[in-house]
Amino acid sequence: MENTTLKEGDYLYTPPSFKHSVTSQTGCTLLLIIPEEVEILV
């Protein structure tokens, strides 16, 4: 998953308990559909 570039309209599925990070060089809008509690790591 590291160094993967997603583009407008892409879909990303991550299984429960999967940890990952998200960054953007120019900013973005995300739609998150989350079926369970999420821990946000800063």
PDB file of N, CA and C in Angstrom:
ATOM      1  N   MET A   1       0.824  -1.191   0.000  1.00  0.00           N
ATOM      2  CA  MET A   1       0.000   0.000   0.000  1.00  0.00           C
ATOM      3  C   MET A   1       0.868   1.253   0.000  1.00  0.00           C
ATOM      4  N   GLU A   2       2.025   1.174   0.601  1.00  0.00           N
ATOM      5  CA  GLU A   2       2.929   2.327   0.657  1.00  0.00           C
ATOM      6  C   GLU A   2       3.205   2.842  -0.750  1.00  0.00           C
ATOM      7  N   ASN A   3       3.275   4.153  -0.873  1.00  0.00           N
ATOM      8  CA  ASN A   3       3.595   4.818  -2.137  1.00  0.00           C
ATOM      9  C   ASN A   3       2.572   4.565  -3.246  1.00  0.00           C
ATOM     10  N   THR A   4       1.343   4.237  -2.882  1.00  0.00           N
ATOM     11  CA  THR A   4       0.271   4.061  -3.853  1.00  0.00           C
ATOM     12  C   THR A   4      -0.431   5.396  -4.053  1.00  0.00           C
ATOM     13  N   THR A   5      -0.631   5.784  -5.297  1.00  0.00           N
ATOM     14  CA  THR A   5      -1.332   7.031  -5.591  1.00  0.00           C
ATOM     15  C   THR A   5      -2.753   6.705  -6.032  1.00  0.00           C
ATOM     16  N   LEU A   6      -3.722   7.257  -5.302  1.00  0.00           N
ATOM     17  CA  LEU A   6      -5.119   7.087  -5.666  1.00  0.00           C
ATOM     18  C   LEU A   6      -5.590   8.331  -6.385  1.00  0.00           C
ATOM     19  N   LYS A   7      -6.484   8.148  -7.330  1.00  0.00           N
ATOM     20  CA  LYS A   7      -7.000   9.265  -8.121  1.00  0.00           C
ATOM     21  C   LYS A   7      -8.503   9.392  -7.921  1.00  0.00           C
ATOM     22  N   GLU A   8      -9.070  10.483  -8.392  1.00  0.00           N
ATOM     23  CA  GLU A   8     -10.502  10.720  -8.279  1.00  0.00           C
ATOM     24  C   GLU A   8     -11.282   9.508  -8.772  1.00  0.00           C
ATOM     25  N   GLY A   9     -12.222   9.056  -7.935  1.00  0.00           N
ATOM     26  CA  GLY A   9     -13.053   7.914  -8.291  1.00  0.00           C
ATOM     27  C   GLY A   9     -12.505   6.572  -7.862  1.00  0.00           C
ATOM     28  N   ASP A  10     -11.252   6.526  -7.379  1.00  0.00           N
ATOM     29  CA  ASP A  10     -10.682   5.261  -6.920  1.00  0.00           C
ATOM     30  C   ASP A  10     -11.394   4.794  -5.654  1.00  0.00           C
ATOM     31  N   TYR A  11     -11.376   3.492  -5.439  1.00  0.00           N
ATOM     32  CA  TYR A  11     -12.003   2.865  -4.284  1.00  0.00           C
ATOM     33  C   TYR A  11     -10.918   2.139  -3.515  1.00  0.00           C
ATOM     34  N   LEU A  12     -10.918   2.298  -2.210  1.00  0.00           N
ATOM     35  CA  LEU A  12      -9.937   1.616  -1.370  1.00  0.00           C
ATOM     36  C   LEU A  12     -10.662   0.873  -0.272  1.00  0.00           C
ATOM     37  N   TYR A  13     -10.423  -0.415  -0.173  1.00  0.00           N
ATOM     38  CA  TYR A  13     -10.974  -1.222   0.920  1.00  0.00           C
ATOM     39  C   TYR A  13      -9.825  -1.636   1.817  1.00  0.00           C
ATOM     40  N   THR A  14     -10.005  -1.465   3.104  1.00  0.00           N
ATOM     41  CA  THR A  14      -9.041  -1.983   4.072  1.00  0.00           C
ATOM     42  C   THR A  14      -9.790  -2.842   5.068  1.00  0.00           C
ATOM     43  N   PRO A  15      -9.298  -4.033   5.359  1.00  0.00           N
ATOM     44  CA  PRO A  15      -9.971  -4.923   6.294  1.00  0.00           C
ATOM     45  C   PRO A  15      -9.918  -4.369   7.719  1.00  0.00           C
ATOM     46  N   PRO A  16     -10.822  -4.829   8.578  1.00  0.00           N
ATOM     47  CA  PRO A  16     -10.803  -4.390   9.979  1.00  0.00           C
ATOM     48  C   PRO A  16      -9.418  -4.607  10.585  1.00  0.00           C
ATOM     49  N   SER A  17      -9.030  -3.701  11.441  1.00  0.00           N
ATOM     50  CA  SER A  17      -7.750  -3.696  12.176  1.00  0.00           C
ATOM     51  C   SER A  17      -6.539  -3.441  11.278  1.00  0.00           C
ATOM     52  N   PHE A  18      -6.733  -3.116  10.001  1.00  0.00           N
ATOM     53  CA  PHE A  18      -5.629  -2.768   9.101  1.00  0.00           C
ATOM     54  C   PHE A  18      -5.216  -1.333   9.384  1.00  0.00           C
ATOM     55  N   LYS A  19      -3.934  -1.084   9.586  1.00  0.00           N
ATOM     56  CA  LYS A  19      -3.448   0.266   9.873  1.00  0.00           C
ATOM     57  C   LYS A  19      -2.762   0.831   8.646  1.00  0.00           C
ATOM     58  N   HIS A  20      -3.079   2.090   8.315  1.00  0.00           N
ATOM     59  CA  HIS A  20      -2.473   2.744   7.168  1.00  0.00           C
ATOM     60  C   HIS A  20      -2.523   4.247   7.383  1.00  0.00           C
ATOM     61  N   SER A  21      -1.840   4.963   6.536  1.00  0.00           N
ATOM     62  CA  SER A  21      -1.844   6.424   6.641  1.00  0.00           C
ATOM     63  C   SER A  21      -2.298   7.010   5.308  1.00  0.00           C
ATOM     64  N   VAL A  22      -2.734   8.259   5.360  1.00  0.00           N
ATOM     65  CA  VAL A  22      -3.200   8.962   4.171  1.00  0.00           C
ATOM     66  C   VAL A  22      -2.529  10.330   4.147  1.00  0.00           C
ATOM     67  N   THR A  23      -1.989  10.707   3.005  1.00  0.00           N
ATOM     68  CA  THR A  23      -1.419  12.039   2.839  1.00  0.00           C
ATOM     69  C   THR A  23      -1.855  12.602   1.494  1.00  0.00           C
ATOM     70  N   SER A  24      -1.766  13.901   1.371  1.00  0.00           N
ATOM     71  CA  SER A  24      -2.078  14.563   0.107  1.00  0.00           C
ATOM     72  C   SER A  24      -1.136  15.745  -0.067  1.00  0.00           C
ATOM     73  N   GLN A  25      -0.580  15.888  -1.248  1.00  0.00           N
ATOM     74  CA  GLN A  25       0.310  17.009  -1.523  1.00  0.00           C
ATOM     75  C   GLN A  25      -0.470  18.284  -1.833  1.00  0.00           C
ATOM     76  N   THR A  26      -1.693  18.151  -2.328  1.00  0.00           N
ATOM     77  CA  THR A  26      -2.475  19.321  -2.725  1.00  0.00           C
ATOM     78  C   THR A  26      -3.801  19.455  -1.985  1.00  0.00           C
ATOM     79  N   GLY A  27      -4.122  18.537  -1.097  1.00  0.00           N
ATOM     80  CA  GLY A  27      -5.403  18.541  -0.398  1.00  0.00           C
ATOM     81  C   GLY A  27      -6.404  17.668  -1.133  1.00  0.00           C
ATOM     82  N   CYS A  28      -7.424  17.225  -0.429  1.00  0.00           N
ATOM     83  CA  CYS A  28      -8.420  16.364  -1.054  1.00  0.00           C
ATOM     84  C   CYS A  28      -9.665  16.287  -0.182  1.00  0.00           C
ATOM     85  N   THR A  29     -10.707  15.705  -0.726  1.00  0.00           N
ATOM     86  CA  THR A  29     -11.923  15.418   0.016  1.00  0.00           C
ATOM     87  C   THR A  29     -12.087  13.906   0.035  1.00  0.00           C
ATOM     88  N   LEU A  30     -12.318  13.353   1.233  1.00  0.00           N
ATOM     89  CA  LEU A  30     -12.477  11.912   1.375  1.00  0.00           C
ATOM     90  C   LEU A  30     -13.890  11.580   1.809  1.00  0.00           C
ATOM     91  N   LEU A  31     -14.436  10.500   1.296  1.00  0.00           N
ATOM     92  CA  LEU A  31     -15.692   9.938   1.776  1.00  0.00           C
ATOM     93  C   LEU A  31     -15.331   8.658   2.504  1.00  0.00           C
ATOM     94  N   LEU A  32     -15.578   8.632   3.799  1.00  0.00           N
ATOM     95  CA  LEU A  32     -15.264   7.452   4.603  1.00  0.00           C
ATOM     96  C   LEU A  32     -16.559   6.787   5.030  1.00  0.00           C
ATOM     97  N   ILE A  33     -16.671   5.502   4.769  1.00  0.00           N
ATOM     98  CA  ILE A  33     -17.794   4.711   5.246  1.00  0.00           C
ATOM     99  C   ILE A  33     -17.191   3.695   6.206  1.00  0.00           C
ATOM    100  N   ILE A  34     -17.476   3.882   7.483  1.00  0.00           N
ATOM    101  CA  ILE A  34     -16.795   3.128   8.520  1.00  0.00           C
ATOM    102  C   ILE A  34     -17.816   2.344   9.341  1.00  0.00           C
ATOM    103  N   PRO A  35     -17.782   1.008   9.251  1.00  0.00           N
ATOM    104  CA  PRO A  35     -18.775   0.188   9.955  1.00  0.00           C
ATOM    105  C   PRO A  35     -18.456  -0.022  11.431  1.00  0.00           C
ATOM    106  N   GLU A  36     -17.283   0.392  11.873  1.00  0.00           N
ATOM    107  CA  GLU A  36     -16.921   0.210  13.282  1.00  0.00           C
ATOM    108  C   GLU A  36     -16.033   1.348  13.736  1.00  0.00           C
ATOM    109  N   GLU A  37     -15.766   1.393  15.031  1.00  0.00           N
ATOM    110  CA  GLU A  37     -14.957   2.473  15.604  1.00  0.00           C
ATOM    111  C   GLU A  37     -13.565   2.481  14.997  1.00  0.00           C
ATOM    112  N   VAL A  38     -13.036   3.683  14.790  1.00  0.00           N
ATOM    113  CA  VAL A  38     -11.717   3.874  14.197  1.00  0.00           C
ATOM    114  C   VAL A  38     -10.836   4.628  15.177  1.00  0.00           C
ATOM    115  N   GLU A  39      -9.587   4.210  15.293  1.00  0.00           N
ATOM    116  CA  GLU A  39      -8.614   4.927  16.112  1.00  0.00           C
ATOM    117  C   GLU A  39      -7.774   5.786  15.182  1.00  0.00           C
ATOM    118  N   ILE A  40      -7.790   7.089  15.396  1.00  0.00           N
ATOM    119  CA  ILE A  40      -6.996   7.998  14.567  1.00  0.00           C
ATOM    120  C   ILE A  40      -5.665   8.251  15.250  1.00  0.00           C
ATOM    121  N   LEU A  41      -4.597   7.892  14.580  1.00  0.00           N
ATOM    122  CA  LEU A  41      -3.246   8.088  15.105  1.00  0.00           C
ATOM    123  C   LEU A  41      -2.679   9.354  14.529  1.00  0.00           C
ATOM    124  N   VAL A  42      -2.136  10.209  15.373  1.00  0.00           N
ATOM    125  CA  VAL A  42      -1.577  11.483  14.914  1.00  0.00           C
ATOM    126  C   VAL A  42      -0.077  11.442  14.987  1.00  0.00           C
TER     127      VAL A  42
END
